[in-house]
Structure formats: structure tokens, C-alpha cells
C-alpha atoms as a PDB file:
ATOM      1  CA  MET A   1      -0.036  -0.293  -0.366  1.00  0.00           C
ATOM      2  CA  ALA A   2       1.780   3.783  -0.980  1.00  0.00           C
ATOM      3  CA  ARG A   3       2.233   5.866   2.481  1.00  0.00           C
ATOM      4  CA  ARG A   4       0.329   9.227   2.180  1.00  0.00           C
ATOM      5  CA  THR A   5       1.795  12.499   2.815  1.00  0.00           C
ATOM      6  CA  PRO A   6      -0.762  13.347   5.218  1.00  0.00           C
ATOM      7  CA  GLN A   7      -2.209  17.121   3.686  1.00  0.00           C
ATOM      8  CA  PRO A   8      -1.088  20.659   5.216  1.00  0.00           C
ATOM      9  CA  ARG A   9      -4.817  21.178   7.311  1.00  0.00           C
ATOM     10  CA  ARG A  10      -6.130  24.941   7.717  1.00  0.00           C
ATOM     11  CA  GLN A  11      -6.151  25.016  12.115  1.00  0.00           C
ATOM     12  CA  PRO A  12      -9.305  26.160  13.428  1.00  0.00           C
ATOM     13  CA  GLY A  13      -9.393  30.204  13.205  1.00  0.00           C
ATOM     14  CA  SER A  14     -11.980  33.177  12.670  1.00  0.00           C
ATOM     15  CA  ALA A  15     -12.533  33.826   9.294  1.00  0.00           C
ATOM     16  CA  PRO A  16     -13.434  36.324   8.132  1.00  0.00           C
ATOM     17  CA  ALA A  17     -17.612  37.160   7.774  1.00  0.00           C
ATOM     18  CA  HIS A  18     -18.752  37.414   4.051  1.00  0.00           C
ATOM     19  CA  GLY A  19     -17.890  40.552   3.140  1.00  0.00           C
ATOM     20  CA  THR A  20     -15.778  41.909   6.277  1.00  0.00           C
ATOM     21  CA  PRO A  21     -12.779  44.290   5.185  1.00  0.00           C
ATOM     22  CA  CYS A  22      -9.847  42.575   4.547  1.00  0.00           C
ATOM     23  CA  PRO A  23      -7.266  41.778   7.481  1.00  0.00           C
ATOM     24  CA  CYS A  24      -3.944  43.220   5.307  1.00  0.00           C
ATOM     25  CA  GLY A  25      -5.376  46.463   6.347  1.00  0.00           C
ATOM     26  CA  LEU A  26      -6.032  47.038   2.695  1.00  0.00           C
ATOM     27  CA  ALA A  27      -9.301  48.444   1.010  1.00  0.00           C
ATOM     28  CA  GLU A  28     -10.911  45.246  -0.380  1.00  0.00           C
ATOM     29  CA  THR A  29     -12.849  42.718   0.714  1.00  0.00           C
ATOM     30  CA  TYR A  30     -11.227  39.549   2.413  1.00  0.00           C
ATOM     31  CA  GLU A  31     -12.817  37.501  -0.465  1.00  0.00           C
ATOM     32  CA  GLY A  32     -12.111  40.493  -2.844  1.00  0.00           C
ATOM     33  CA  CYS A  33      -8.648  40.093  -1.657  1.00  0.00           C
ATOM     34  CA  CYS A  34      -6.675  37.755   0.247  1.00  0.00           C
ATOM     35  CA  GLY A  35      -8.957  35.185   0.230  1.00  0.00           C
ATOM     36  CA  ARG A  36      -8.502  35.481  -3.377  1.00  0.00           C
ATOM     37  CA  PHE A  37      -4.760  34.636  -3.124  1.00  0.00           C
ATOM     38  CA  HIS A  38      -6.058  31.662  -0.040  1.00  0.00           C
ATOM     39  CA  ARG A  39      -7.443  29.763  -2.851  1.00  0.00           C
ATOM     40  CA  GLY A  40      -5.326  29.827  -5.237  1.00  0.00           C
ATOM     41  CA  ALA A  41      -5.196  33.471  -7.318  1.00  0.00           C
ATOM     42  CA  ALA A  42      -0.836  33.956  -7.744  1.00  0.00           C
ATOM     43  CA  ALA A  43      -0.325  37.033  -5.596  1.00  0.00           C
ATOM     44  CA  PRO A  44       0.995  40.199  -8.417  1.00  0.00           C
ATOM     45  CA  THR A  45       4.164  41.599  -5.863  1.00  0.00           C
ATOM     46  CA  ALA A  46       5.820  40.428  -2.654  1.00  0.00           C
ATOM     47  CA  GLU A  47       4.120  43.064  -0.888  1.00  0.00           C
ATOM     48  CA  ARG A  48       0.589  41.482  -1.651  1.00  0.00           C
ATOM     49  CA  LEU A  49       2.026  37.765  -1.210  1.00  0.00           C
ATOM     50  CA  MET A  50       3.171  39.363   2.128  1.00  0.00           C
ATOM     51  CA  ARG A  51      -0.144  41.211   2.927  1.00  0.00           C
ATOM     52  CA  SER A  52      -1.905  36.951   2.175  1.00  0.00           C
ATOM     53  CA  ARG A  53       0.319  35.386   4.233  1.00  0.00           C
ATOM     54  CA  TYR A  54      -0.548  37.861   6.355  1.00  0.00           C
ATOM     55  CA  SER A  55      -4.130  37.045   6.109  1.00  0.00           C
ATOM     56  CA  ALA A  56      -3.651  33.664   5.992  1.00  0.00           C
ATOM     57  CA  PHE A  57      -1.954  34.159  10.062  1.00  0.00           C
ATOM     58  CA  VAL A  58      -4.122  35.221  10.509  1.00  0.00           C
ATOM     59  CA  VAL A  59      -7.648  33.024   9.643  1.00  0.00           C
ATOM     60  CA  ARG A  60      -4.654  30.481  10.230  1.00  0.00           C
ATOM     61  CA  ASP A  61      -3.941  28.947   6.975  1.00  0.00           C
ATOM     62  CA  GLU A  62      -1.467  26.611   7.356  1.00  0.00           C
ATOM     63  CA  GLY A  63      -2.023  24.959   3.615  1.00  0.00           C
ATOM     64  CA  TYR A  64      -1.203  28.292   1.908  1.00  0.00           C
ATOM     65  CA  LEU A  65       1.551  29.596   3.799  1.00  0.00           C
ATOM     66  CA  LEU A  66       3.472  26.297   3.693  1.00  0.00           C
ATOM     67  CA  ARG A  67       2.652  26.615  -0.084  1.00  0.00           C
ATOM     68  CA  THR A  68       4.150  30.008  -0.284  1.00  0.00           C
ATOM     69  CA  TRP A  69       7.074  29.461   1.506  1.00  0.00           C
ATOM     70  CA  HIS A  70      10.380  28.565  -0.784  1.00  0.00           C
ATOM     71  CA  PRO A  71      10.997  25.303  -0.553  1.00  0.00           C
ATOM     72  CA  ARG A  72      15.369  25.783   0.395  1.00  0.00           C
ATOM     73  CA  THR A  73      13.621  27.010   3.485  1.00  0.00           C
ATOM     74  CA  ARG A  74       9.237  25.976   3.802  1.00  0.00           C
ATOM     75  CA  PRO A  75       8.985  24.227   7.751  1.00  0.00           C
ATOM     76  CA  PRO A  76       7.232  20.637   8.097  1.00  0.00           C
ATOM     77  CA  GLY A  77       4.665  22.550   9.529  1.00  0.00           C
ATOM     78  CA  VAL A  78       3.539  25.712  11.404  1.00  0.00           C
ATOM     79  CA  ASP A  79       2.444  26.063  15.042  1.00  0.00           C
ATOM     80  CA  PHE A  80       0.231  29.116  15.736  1.00  0.00           C
ATOM     81  CA  GLU A  81       0.018  30.213  18.567  1.00  0.00           C
ATOM     82  CA  PRO A  82      -2.757  29.503  21.072  1.00  0.00           C
ATOM     83  CA  GLY A  83      -5.008  32.563  22.156  1.00  0.00           C
ATOM     84  CA  MET A  84      -2.681  35.111  18.862  1.00  0.00           C
ATOM     85  CA  ARG A  85      -4.780  37.569  17.870  1.00  0.00           C
ATOM     86  CA  TRP A  86      -3.780  39.261  15.184  1.00  0.00           C
ATOM     87  CA  THR A  87      -5.297  42.877  15.305  1.00  0.00           C
ATOM     88  CA  GLY A  88      -2.469  45.011  12.344  1.00  0.00           C
ATOM     89  CA  LEU A  89      -0.122  45.749   9.709  1.00  0.00           C
ATOM     90  CA  GLU A  90       1.456  48.146   8.386  1.00  0.00           C
ATOM     91  CA  ILE A  91       4.057  47.958   5.781  1.00  0.00           C
ATOM     92  CA  LEU A  92       7.432  50.801   6.502  1.00  0.00           C
ATOM     93  CA  GLY A  93       8.809  50.104   3.282  1.00  0.00           C
ATOM     94  CA  THR A  94       9.587  48.223  -0.292  1.00  0.00           C
ATOM     95  CA  ALA A  95      11.815  47.321  -2.022  1.00  0.00           C
ATOM     96  CA  ASP A  96      11.701  45.223  -5.935  1.00  0.00           C
ATOM     97  CA  GLY A  97       9.578  42.580  -6.083  1.00  0.00           C
ATOM     98  CA  SER A  98       6.913  44.102  -8.839  1.00  0.00           C
ATOM     99  CA  ALA A  99       6.558  41.789 -11.587  1.00  0.00           C
ATOM    100  CA  PHE A 100      10.147  43.247 -13.221  1.00  0.00           C
ATOM    101  CA  HIS A 101      11.714  41.778 -10.337  1.00  0.00           C
ATOM    102  CA  THR A 102      12.289  37.925  -9.624  1.00  0.00           C
ATOM    103  CA  THR A 103      13.504  38.826  -6.146  1.00  0.00           C
ATOM    104  CA  GLY A 104      11.704  41.583  -3.038  1.00  0.00           C
ATOM    105  CA  THR A 105      10.988  42.446  -0.103  1.00  0.00           C
ATOM    106  CA  VAL A 106       8.876  43.803   2.533  1.00  0.00           C
ATOM    107  CA  THR A 107       9.335  45.341   5.580  1.00  0.00           C
ATOM    108  CA  PHE A 108       6.608  45.514   7.850  1.00  0.00           C
ATOM    109  CA  ARG A 109       5.075  45.632  11.711  1.00  0.00           C
ATOM    110  CA  ALA A 110       2.075  42.896  12.256  1.00  0.00           C
ATOM    111  CA  SER A 111       0.288  43.484  15.483  1.00  0.00           C
ATOM    112  CA  PHE A 112      -1.169  41.652  17.966  1.00  0.00           C
ATOM    113  CA  GLN A 113      -3.174  41.899  21.598  1.00  0.00           C
ATOM    114  CA  GLY A 114      -0.258  42.994  23.680  1.00  0.00           C
ATOM    115  CA  GLY A 115       2.084  43.775  21.477  1.00  0.00           C
ATOM    116  CA  SER A 116       3.732  43.756  17.824  1.00  0.00           C
ATOM    117  CA  LEU A 117       6.700  42.559  15.644  1.00  0.00           C
ATOM    118  CA  VAL A 118       8.612  44.826  12.975  1.00  0.00           C
ATOM    119  CA  GLU A 119       9.877  42.064  10.192  1.00  0.00           C
ATOM    120  CA  ARG A 120      11.851  42.496   6.803  1.00  0.00           C
ATOM    121  CA  SER A 121      10.840  39.783   5.055  1.00  0.00           C
ATOM    122  CA  ARG A 122      12.724  38.762   1.419  1.00  0.00           C
ATOM    123  CA  PHE A 123      10.798  37.067  -1.457  1.00  0.00           C
ATOM    124  CA  GLU A 124      11.911  35.358  -4.974  1.00  0.00           C
ATOM    125  CA  ARG A 125      10.483  33.951  -7.664  1.00  0.00           C
ATOM    126  CA  VAL A 126      10.375  29.998  -8.217  1.00  0.00           C
ATOM    127  CA  ASP A 127       8.484  29.387 -10.699  1.00  0.00           C
ATOM    128  CA  GLY A 128       6.434  32.676 -11.858  1.00  0.00           C
ATOM    129  CA  ALA A 129       5.044  32.801  -8.773  1.00  0.00           C
ATOM    130  CA  TRP A 130       6.526  34.737  -5.061  1.00  0.00           C
ATOM    131  CA  VAL A 131       7.288  33.340  -2.559  1.00  0.00           C
ATOM    132  CA  TYR A 132       8.193  34.095   0.763  1.00  0.00           C
ATOM    133  CA  VAL A 133      12.237  33.302   1.908  1.00  0.00           C
ATOM    134  CA  ASP A 134      12.864  33.883   5.407  1.00  0.00           C
ATOM    135  CA  GLY A 135      12.666  37.048   7.209  1.00  0.00           C
ATOM    136  CA  ASP A 136      15.070  39.535  10.362  1.00  0.00           C
ATOM    137  CA  PHE A 137      13.725  40.779  12.800  1.00  0.00           C
ATOM    138  CA  PRO A 138      15.121  44.664  12.267  1.00  0.00           C
ATOM    139  CA  GLU A 139      16.282  47.311  14.785  1.00  0.00           C
ATOM    140  CA  VAL A 140      13.344  50.024  14.852  1.00  0.00           C
END
């Protein structure tokens, strides 16, 4: 009997209700913004991928996070912190990452109940699609 590889699953989370604003902070509904990327559309820029990954953390979509992680740095799974409640996203800067680039960086502040973190994320294109490579936590 062939051994099946377990598929990543969506962890229980607070998926936005129909018609609600997207968690990423853009003035669109979740369905028209990050929800379409979670359902399979390709993010056109590194920034949109980063925003959609933030939203995936909000809704605990492990499958999407793993699919959009570079194969050379992808972990076997995503550990969602129990009780973590993400409350906002602020883009602090971008470099490259457009349709005309093969790499890009996005620096952002992600707020959560009780604090925030700042990360400078690096992205690359793999087979034409943007993927998250890694990030560091700069002093701000």
C-alpha cells in the first residue's frame, strides 16, 4: 500500500465573515483581496504575497502558508500560537518585488493583542510565483 503524505490543514481560526474587510488592511473585502490568493490566485507582487500571508496567519491557513514558502526554507508545518490574536498590519517599506523583479523585500509591523513585531521579509520568484524565503527582525 502506498504511503500518503498528510496534507496541510487549516487550523481553526477566525475566518472573516462574508463581506468583511480584509485583515491585511487594504480597503477590499477578504473575498476580493487575500481570500482569492488563499483560494489559488497568484499574488502579483511580493507585497501582496506578504499581505496574503499575514491574512493566512489571521485565519490560520497552514496550507497556504506552506504553499507560499520557498522550498529550501519551508518548515514541515506551521505552529500557530494558541490564543494569538493578530490586530493589524502596517507596511513600513518595500524594495523591488514587482512584476519586473525576481526578488523583493517587504518590511512590516504586525500587531497582535499585547504587542507587535517588525520583520524584513525576503521573497523570490519560483516558477514565476512569489514565495517567502525568510526574514529578519531589524531594530526600529
